Amino acid sequence: GKSTLIKILSGAHAPDEGEVLLDGSPVRLAPPTAAMGHGIATIYQELDLVDGLSVTENIFLGHEMASFGFSRRAEADRATAELL
């Protein structure tokens, strides 16, 4: 049950019935990029964290904040603080 719900919310699976509401409006979260567009991301129990990286770097791994090839570290740190 829990795993299926998480997969539906992350866009990995479509619900068999019912609807998902976001801010009171129905949304379609498939594929996973659609869920990410709504700010929904999933970290599964099989943690694929990188030991040598900071918490911020692990949170944004694969979605690094950068402009013109330069890391926006302070912005990423602020975003991490808000998430935590």
N, C-alpha and C. Protein backbone atom coordinates (compact mmCIF):
# COMPACT_ATOMS: atom_id res chain seq x y z
N GLY A 1 0.78 -1.20 0.00
CA GLY A 1 0.00 0.00 0.00
C GLY A 1 0.83 1.27 0.00
N LYS A 2 1.77 1.38 0.95
CA LYS A 2 2.57 2.61 1.04
C LYS A 2 3.44 2.79 -0.20
N SER A 3 4.07 1.71 -0.62
CA SER A 3 4.94 1.80 -1.80
C SER A 3 4.14 2.19 -3.04
N THR A 4 2.96 1.63 -3.20
CA THR A 4 2.11 1.96 -4.34
C THR A 4 1.71 3.43 -4.30
N LEU A 5 1.33 3.91 -3.13
CA LEU A 5 0.96 5.32 -2.99
C LEU A 5 2.12 6.24 -3.36
N ILE A 6 3.30 5.93 -2.87
CA ILE A 6 4.48 6.74 -3.19
C ILE A 6 4.75 6.71 -4.70
N LYS A 7 4.62 5.54 -5.31
CA LYS A 7 4.85 5.44 -6.75
C LYS A 7 3.83 6.25 -7.53
N ILE A 8 2.59 6.28 -7.07
CA ILE A 8 1.55 7.08 -7.73
C ILE A 8 1.87 8.57 -7.58
N LEU A 9 2.23 8.98 -6.36
CA LEU A 9 2.54 10.40 -6.12
C LEU A 9 3.79 10.86 -6.85
N SER A 10 4.72 9.95 -7.11
CA SER A 10 5.95 10.32 -7.81
C SER A 10 5.82 10.20 -9.32
N GLY A 11 4.65 9.71 -9.79
CA GLY A 11 4.43 9.60 -11.23
C GLY A 11 4.92 8.32 -11.85
N ALA A 12 5.43 7.38 -11.03
CA ALA A 12 5.93 6.11 -11.57
C ALA A 12 4.79 5.17 -11.95
N HIS A 13 3.63 5.31 -11.29
CA HIS A 13 2.45 4.49 -11.58
C HIS A 13 1.23 5.39 -11.68
N ALA A 14 0.29 4.99 -12.50
CA ALA A 14 -0.99 5.72 -12.59
C ALA A 14 -1.98 5.06 -11.63
N PRO A 15 -2.82 5.84 -10.98
CA PRO A 15 -3.81 5.23 -10.08
C PRO A 15 -4.85 4.43 -10.87
N ASP A 16 -5.32 3.32 -10.27
CA ASP A 16 -6.37 2.51 -10.89
C ASP A 16 -7.71 3.22 -10.81
N GLU A 17 -7.90 3.98 -9.74
CA GLU A 17 -9.15 4.72 -9.56
C GLU A 17 -8.88 5.90 -8.65
N GLY A 18 -9.85 6.78 -8.54
CA GLY A 18 -9.70 7.96 -7.69
C GLY A 18 -8.90 9.04 -8.38
N GLU A 19 -8.54 10.05 -7.62
CA GLU A 19 -7.77 11.15 -8.18
C GLU A 19 -6.80 11.69 -7.14
N VAL A 20 -5.77 12.32 -7.63
CA VAL A 20 -4.79 12.98 -6.78
C VAL A 20 -5.08 14.47 -6.84
N LEU A 21 -5.22 15.09 -5.67
CA LEU A 21 -5.49 16.53 -5.61
C LEU A 21 -4.25 17.25 -5.12
N LEU A 22 -3.96 18.35 -5.75
CA LEU A 22 -2.86 19.22 -5.33
C LEU A 22 -3.43 20.61 -5.18
N ASP A 23 -3.39 21.14 -3.98
CA ASP A 23 -4.01 22.44 -3.67
C ASP A 23 -5.49 22.44 -4.06
N GLY A 24 -6.15 21.28 -3.88
CA GLY A 24 -7.58 21.17 -4.13
C GLY A 24 -7.98 20.91 -5.57
N SER A 25 -7.00 20.86 -6.46
CA SER A 25 -7.31 20.62 -7.89
C SER A 25 -6.74 19.27 -8.31
N PRO A 26 -7.48 18.52 -9.14
CA PRO A 26 -6.95 17.24 -9.62
C PRO A 26 -5.74 17.43 -10.52
N VAL A 27 -4.74 16.57 -10.35
CA VAL A 27 -3.53 16.62 -11.18
C VAL A 27 -3.21 15.23 -11.70
N ARG A 28 -2.54 15.20 -12.83
CA ARG A 28 -2.02 13.95 -13.39
C ARG A 28 -0.51 14.02 -13.22
N LEU A 29 0.06 13.06 -12.51
CA LEU A 29 1.47 13.13 -12.14
C LEU A 29 2.37 12.21 -12.96
N ALA A 30 1.83 11.56 -13.98
CA ALA A 30 2.66 10.70 -14.81
C ALA A 30 3.04 11.46 -16.07
N PRO A 31 4.25 11.36 -16.52
CA PRO A 31 5.38 10.60 -16.01
C PRO A 31 6.03 11.30 -14.82
N PRO A 32 7.09 10.71 -14.24
CA PRO A 32 7.74 11.32 -13.08
C PRO A 32 8.16 12.78 -13.29
N THR A 33 8.46 13.16 -14.52
CA THR A 33 8.84 14.56 -14.75
C THR A 33 7.66 15.49 -14.46
N ALA A 34 6.43 15.00 -14.66
CA ALA A 34 5.25 15.82 -14.33
C ALA A 34 5.16 16.02 -12.84
N ALA A 35 5.42 14.97 -12.07
CA ALA A 35 5.41 15.09 -10.61
C ALA A 35 6.50 16.07 -10.17
N MET A 36 7.67 15.96 -10.76
CA MET A 36 8.76 16.87 -10.40
C MET A 36 8.41 18.31 -10.75
N GLY A 37 7.66 18.50 -11.82
CA GLY A 37 7.20 19.84 -12.18
C GLY A 37 6.30 20.46 -11.13
N HIS A 38 5.67 19.62 -10.33
CA HIS A 38 4.83 20.08 -9.23
C HIS A 38 5.61 20.11 -7.91
N GLY A 39 6.92 19.87 -7.99
CA GLY A 39 7.75 19.91 -6.78
C GLY A 39 7.73 18.62 -5.98
N ILE A 40 7.30 17.52 -6.60
CA ILE A 40 7.25 16.24 -5.90
C ILE A 40 8.42 15.37 -6.36
N ALA A 41 9.26 15.00 -5.43
CA ALA A 41 10.38 14.10 -5.72
C ALA A 41 10.38 13.01 -4.67
N THR A 42 10.93 11.88 -5.01
CA THR A 42 10.92 10.73 -4.12
C THR A 42 12.34 10.24 -3.89
N ILE A 43 12.64 9.93 -2.63
CA ILE A 43 13.88 9.24 -2.28
C ILE A 43 13.43 7.90 -1.72
N TYR A 44 13.73 6.83 -2.42
CA TYR A 44 13.29 5.51 -2.01
C TYR A 44 14.16 4.97 -0.88
N GLN A 45 13.68 3.93 -0.22
CA GLN A 45 14.40 3.36 0.92
C GLN A 45 15.80 2.91 0.55
N GLU A 46 15.98 2.44 -0.67
CA GLU A 46 17.30 2.04 -1.11
C GLU A 46 18.08 3.32 -1.39
N LEU A 47 18.63 3.90 -0.36
CA LEU A 47 19.26 5.21 -0.48
C LEU A 47 20.48 5.14 -1.40
N ASP A 48 20.45 5.94 -2.41
CA ASP A 48 21.57 6.06 -3.33
C ASP A 48 22.31 7.37 -3.05
N LEU A 49 22.64 7.56 -1.78
CA LEU A 49 23.36 8.77 -1.40
C LEU A 49 24.84 8.56 -1.62
N VAL A 50 25.54 9.65 -1.85
CA VAL A 50 26.97 9.59 -2.08
C VAL A 50 27.66 10.08 -0.82
N ASP A 51 28.43 9.18 -0.19
CA ASP A 51 29.08 9.49 1.09
C ASP A 51 29.92 10.76 1.07
N GLY A 52 30.65 11.00 0.00
CA GLY A 52 31.57 12.13 -0.04
C GLY A 52 30.90 13.48 -0.31
N LEU A 53 29.58 13.50 -0.51
CA LEU A 53 28.88 14.74 -0.81
C LEU A 53 28.17 15.26 0.42
N SER A 54 27.94 16.56 0.43
CA SER A 54 27.20 17.19 1.53
C SER A 54 25.72 16.86 1.40
N VAL A 55 24.94 17.21 2.41
CA VAL A 55 23.49 17.02 2.36
C VAL A 55 22.93 17.77 1.16
N THR A 56 23.34 19.02 0.99
CA THR A 56 22.86 19.83 -0.14
C THR A 56 23.20 19.16 -1.46
N GLU A 57 24.42 18.70 -1.61
CA GLU A 57 24.84 18.08 -2.87
C GLU A 57 24.04 16.80 -3.14
N ASN A 58 23.74 16.02 -2.10
CA ASN A 58 22.94 14.81 -2.28
C ASN A 58 21.50 15.15 -2.64
N ILE A 59 20.94 16.18 -2.02
CA ILE A 59 19.55 16.56 -2.32
C ILE A 59 19.40 16.97 -3.78
N PHE A 60 20.36 17.72 -4.30
CA PHE A 60 20.26 18.23 -5.66
C PHE A 60 21.06 17.41 -6.67
N LEU A 61 21.49 16.22 -6.29
CA LEU A 61 22.26 15.37 -7.19
C LEU A 61 21.46 15.08 -8.46
N GLY A 62 22.01 15.47 -9.57
CA GLY A 62 21.32 15.31 -10.86
C GLY A 62 20.47 16.51 -11.23
N HIS A 63 20.29 17.43 -10.29
CA HIS A 63 19.48 18.64 -10.52
C HIS A 63 20.21 19.84 -9.91
N GLU A 64 21.52 19.89 -10.12
CA GLU A 64 22.34 20.92 -9.51
C GLU A 64 21.92 22.31 -9.96
N MET A 65 22.00 23.24 -9.04
CA MET A 65 21.70 24.64 -9.35
C MET A 65 22.97 25.28 -9.91
N ALA A 66 22.88 25.71 -11.14
CA ALA A 66 24.06 26.31 -11.78
C ALA A 66 23.62 27.30 -12.85
N SER A 67 24.49 28.25 -13.10
CA SER A 67 24.30 29.22 -14.17
C SER A 67 25.61 29.36 -14.93
N PHE A 68 25.54 29.20 -16.23
CA PHE A 68 26.72 29.35 -17.08
C PHE A 68 27.87 28.45 -16.62
N GLY A 69 27.52 27.27 -16.10
CA GLY A 69 28.54 26.31 -15.67
C GLY A 69 29.07 26.55 -14.27
N PHE A 70 28.56 27.56 -13.57
CA PHE A 70 29.02 27.85 -12.21
C PHE A 70 27.94 27.46 -11.21
N SER A 71 28.36 26.78 -10.16
CA SER A 71 27.44 26.33 -9.12
C SER A 71 26.86 27.51 -8.36
N ARG A 72 25.55 27.44 -8.06
CA ARG A 72 24.91 28.46 -7.24
C ARG A 72 24.75 27.88 -5.83
N ARG A 73 25.88 27.69 -5.17
CA ARG A 73 25.96 26.99 -3.88
C ARG A 73 25.10 27.67 -2.81
N ALA A 74 25.19 28.98 -2.69
CA ALA A 74 24.43 29.68 -1.64
C ALA A 74 22.93 29.49 -1.85
N GLU A 75 22.47 29.54 -3.08
CA GLU A 75 21.05 29.33 -3.39
C GLU A 75 20.63 27.90 -3.04
N ALA A 76 21.50 26.93 -3.38
CA ALA A 76 21.21 25.54 -3.06
C ALA A 76 21.17 25.32 -1.55
N ASP A 77 22.08 25.97 -0.82
CA ASP A 77 22.09 25.86 0.64
C ASP A 77 20.80 26.43 1.24
N ARG A 78 20.35 27.57 0.73
CA ARG A 78 19.09 28.16 1.22
C ARG A 78 17.91 27.25 0.94
N ALA A 79 17.87 26.68 -0.27
CA ALA A 79 16.79 25.77 -0.63
C ALA A 79 16.80 24.53 0.26
N THR A 80 17.98 24.03 0.55
CA THR A 80 18.11 22.86 1.44
C THR A 80 17.59 23.20 2.83
N ALA A 81 17.95 24.34 3.35
CA ALA A 81 17.48 24.76 4.68
C ALA A 81 15.96 24.84 4.71
N GLU A 82 15.36 25.34 3.65
CA GLU A 82 13.89 25.42 3.59
C GLU A 82 13.28 24.02 3.55
N LEU A 83 13.90 23.11 2.80
CA LEU A 83 13.38 21.74 2.70
C LEU A 83 13.47 20.99 4.03
N LEU A 84 14.56 21.24 4.73
CA LEU A 84 14.76 20.51 6.00
C LEU A 84 13.96 21.15 7.11
